[in-house]
Amino acid sequence: MRRLSGLVLPALLLALSACSGDEPAENVFKAQTDTLGKAEQANQMLEEAAAAQRKAIDTQGR
């Protein structure tokens, strides 16, 4: 019984210390979210350019 409590107490203390409520200082996915934002902006520019090109082709065909 004494051996069991000698193992349980350190394991309990370790588990409780690992569950601290501190939040990370910065977003760990910041680089990925920044890259995703840039990709969305590039996609928007490409869609606008494609729409302008389709409009130009349509006006030339008439």
N, C-alpha and C. Protein backbone atom coordinates (compact mmCIF):
# COMPACT_ATOMS: atom_id res chain seq x y z
N MET A 1 0.82 -1.19 0.00
CA MET A 1 0.00 0.00 0.00
C MET A 1 0.87 1.26 0.00
N ARG A 2 1.94 1.22 0.75
CA ARG A 2 2.83 2.37 0.83
C ARG A 2 3.49 2.63 -0.54
N ARG A 3 3.79 1.55 -1.24
CA ARG A 3 4.41 1.68 -2.56
C ARG A 3 3.43 2.31 -3.55
N LEU A 4 2.17 1.90 -3.44
CA LEU A 4 1.14 2.43 -4.33
C LEU A 4 0.96 3.94 -4.12
N SER A 5 0.92 4.38 -2.89
CA SER A 5 0.75 5.81 -2.63
C SER A 5 2.01 6.57 -3.03
N GLY A 6 3.16 5.93 -3.00
CA GLY A 6 4.39 6.55 -3.45
C GLY A 6 4.41 6.79 -4.95
N LEU A 7 3.63 6.03 -5.70
CA LEU A 7 3.53 6.21 -7.15
C LEU A 7 2.38 7.13 -7.53
N VAL A 8 1.30 7.05 -6.78
CA VAL A 8 0.12 7.81 -7.11
C VAL A 8 0.33 9.29 -6.86
N LEU A 9 0.92 9.65 -5.75
CA LEU A 9 1.11 11.05 -5.42
C LEU A 9 1.98 11.79 -6.44
N PRO A 10 3.15 11.27 -6.83
CA PRO A 10 3.92 11.98 -7.86
C PRO A 10 3.19 12.04 -9.21
N ALA A 11 2.47 10.99 -9.56
CA ALA A 11 1.73 10.98 -10.83
C ALA A 11 0.62 12.03 -10.79
N LEU A 12 -0.05 12.16 -9.66
CA LEU A 12 -1.10 13.16 -9.51
C LEU A 12 -0.52 14.57 -9.59
N LEU A 13 0.58 14.81 -8.94
CA LEU A 13 1.22 16.12 -8.99
C LEU A 13 1.67 16.46 -10.40
N LEU A 14 2.20 15.49 -11.10
CA LEU A 14 2.63 15.71 -12.48
C LEU A 14 1.43 16.05 -13.37
N ALA A 15 0.35 15.33 -13.20
CA ALA A 15 -0.85 15.58 -14.00
C ALA A 15 -1.42 16.95 -13.72
N LEU A 16 -1.44 17.35 -12.47
CA LEU A 16 -1.98 18.66 -12.12
C LEU A 16 -1.09 19.80 -12.61
N SER A 17 0.19 19.61 -12.59
CA SER A 17 1.09 20.67 -13.06
C SER A 17 1.03 20.81 -14.58
N ALA A 18 0.71 19.73 -15.28
CA ALA A 18 0.61 19.79 -16.73
C ALA A 18 -0.67 20.48 -17.19
N CYS A 19 -1.64 20.61 -16.33
CA CYS A 19 -2.93 21.21 -16.68
C CYS A 19 -3.02 22.66 -16.23
N SER A 20 -1.99 23.41 -16.46
CA SER A 20 -2.05 24.82 -16.09
C SER A 20 -2.96 25.56 -17.05
N GLY A 21 -3.53 26.66 -16.62
CA GLY A 21 -4.48 27.40 -17.43
C GLY A 21 -3.84 28.48 -18.28
N ASP A 22 -2.54 28.52 -18.41
CA ASP A 22 -1.87 29.55 -19.18
C ASP A 22 -2.12 29.36 -20.67
N GLU A 23 -2.45 30.44 -21.33
CA GLU A 23 -2.64 30.43 -22.77
C GLU A 23 -1.31 30.69 -23.45
N PRO A 24 -1.12 30.18 -24.67
CA PRO A 24 0.12 30.50 -25.40
C PRO A 24 0.20 31.99 -25.68
N ALA A 25 1.41 32.48 -25.73
CA ALA A 25 1.62 33.92 -25.91
C ALA A 25 1.14 34.41 -27.27
N GLU A 26 1.28 33.61 -28.30
CA GLU A 26 0.86 34.02 -29.63
C GLU A 26 0.21 32.85 -30.34
N ASN A 27 -0.46 33.14 -31.40
CA ASN A 27 -1.14 32.12 -32.19
C ASN A 27 -0.09 31.25 -32.88
N VAL A 28 -0.15 29.95 -32.60
CA VAL A 28 0.86 29.06 -33.17
C VAL A 28 0.64 28.83 -34.66
N PHE A 29 -0.52 29.19 -35.15
CA PHE A 29 -0.82 29.00 -36.57
C PHE A 29 -0.79 30.32 -37.33
N LYS A 30 -0.14 31.34 -36.78
CA LYS A 30 -0.14 32.67 -37.40
C LYS A 30 0.43 32.64 -38.81
N ALA A 31 1.51 31.93 -39.01
CA ALA A 31 2.12 31.87 -40.35
C ALA A 31 1.15 31.24 -41.36
N GLN A 32 0.46 30.18 -40.93
CA GLN A 32 -0.47 29.52 -41.83
C GLN A 32 -1.68 30.40 -42.12
N THR A 33 -2.21 31.10 -41.10
CA THR A 33 -3.36 31.96 -41.34
C THR A 33 -2.99 33.17 -42.19
N ASP A 34 -1.78 33.68 -42.00
CA ASP A 34 -1.32 34.79 -42.84
C ASP A 34 -1.21 34.35 -44.30
N THR A 35 -0.66 33.17 -44.51
CA THR A 35 -0.51 32.64 -45.87
C THR A 35 -1.87 32.39 -46.50
N LEU A 36 -2.80 31.89 -45.72
CA LEU A 36 -4.15 31.66 -46.23
C LEU A 36 -4.81 32.98 -46.62
N GLY A 37 -4.61 34.01 -45.83
CA GLY A 37 -5.16 35.32 -46.17
C GLY A 37 -4.58 35.86 -47.46
N LYS A 38 -3.28 35.69 -47.65
CA LYS A 38 -2.65 36.14 -48.89
C LYS A 38 -3.17 35.36 -50.09
N ALA A 39 -3.38 34.06 -49.90
CA ALA A 39 -3.91 33.23 -50.99
C ALA A 39 -5.32 33.65 -51.36
N GLU A 40 -6.13 34.00 -50.36
CA GLU A 40 -7.49 34.46 -50.65
C GLU A 40 -7.47 35.78 -51.41
N GLN A 41 -6.56 36.67 -51.05
CA GLN A 41 -6.44 37.95 -51.77
C GLN A 41 -6.01 37.71 -53.21
N ALA A 42 -5.06 36.81 -53.42
CA ALA A 42 -4.59 36.50 -54.77
C ALA A 42 -5.72 35.88 -55.59
N ASN A 43 -6.50 35.03 -54.97
CA ASN A 43 -7.62 34.41 -55.66
C ASN A 43 -8.65 35.45 -56.07
N GLN A 44 -8.92 36.39 -55.21
CA GLN A 44 -9.86 37.47 -55.53
C GLN A 44 -9.37 38.29 -56.72
N MET A 45 -8.07 38.62 -56.74
CA MET A 45 -7.51 39.38 -57.86
C MET A 45 -7.62 38.60 -59.16
N LEU A 46 -7.36 37.29 -59.10
CA LEU A 46 -7.45 36.46 -60.30
C LEU A 46 -8.89 36.39 -60.82
N GLU A 47 -9.84 36.28 -59.90
CA GLU A 47 -11.24 36.23 -60.31
C GLU A 47 -11.67 37.55 -60.96
N GLU A 48 -11.21 38.67 -60.40
CA GLU A 48 -11.55 39.96 -60.99
C GLU A 48 -10.91 40.12 -62.36
N ALA A 49 -9.67 39.68 -62.52
CA ALA A 49 -8.99 39.78 -63.81
C ALA A 49 -9.68 38.89 -64.84
N ALA A 50 -10.11 37.70 -64.43
CA ALA A 50 -10.80 36.80 -65.36
C ALA A 50 -12.14 37.39 -65.79
N ALA A 51 -12.84 38.02 -64.85
CA ALA A 51 -14.12 38.65 -65.20
C ALA A 51 -13.91 39.80 -66.17
N ALA A 52 -12.87 40.59 -65.96
CA ALA A 52 -12.57 41.70 -66.87
C ALA A 52 -12.21 41.18 -68.25
N GLN A 53 -11.47 40.09 -68.29
CA GLN A 53 -11.07 39.51 -69.58
C GLN A 53 -12.29 38.96 -70.31
N ARG A 54 -13.19 38.28 -69.58
CA ARG A 54 -14.40 37.78 -70.23
C ARG A 54 -15.25 38.92 -70.77
N LYS A 55 -15.33 40.01 -70.02
CA LYS A 55 -16.10 41.16 -70.47
C LYS A 55 -15.48 41.76 -71.74
N ALA A 56 -14.14 41.85 -71.77
CA ALA A 56 -13.46 42.38 -72.95
C ALA A 56 -13.67 41.49 -74.16
N ILE A 57 -13.63 40.19 -73.97
CA ILE A 57 -13.85 39.24 -75.08
C ILE A 57 -15.28 39.35 -75.59
N ASP A 58 -16.23 39.49 -74.66
CA ASP A 58 -17.63 39.60 -75.07
C ASP A 58 -17.89 40.88 -75.87
N THR A 59 -17.27 41.99 -75.48
CA THR A 59 -17.49 43.23 -76.19
C THR A 59 -16.81 43.21 -77.56
N GLN A 60 -15.70 42.52 -77.71
CA GLN A 60 -15.02 42.42 -79.00
C GLN A 60 -15.79 41.51 -79.95
N GLY A 61 -16.47 40.53 -79.40
CA GLY A 61 -17.21 39.58 -80.24
C GLY A 61 -18.48 40.14 -80.79
N ARG A 62 -18.93 41.26 -80.34
CA ARG A 62 -20.22 41.82 -80.79
C ARG A 62 -20.04 42.77 -81.90
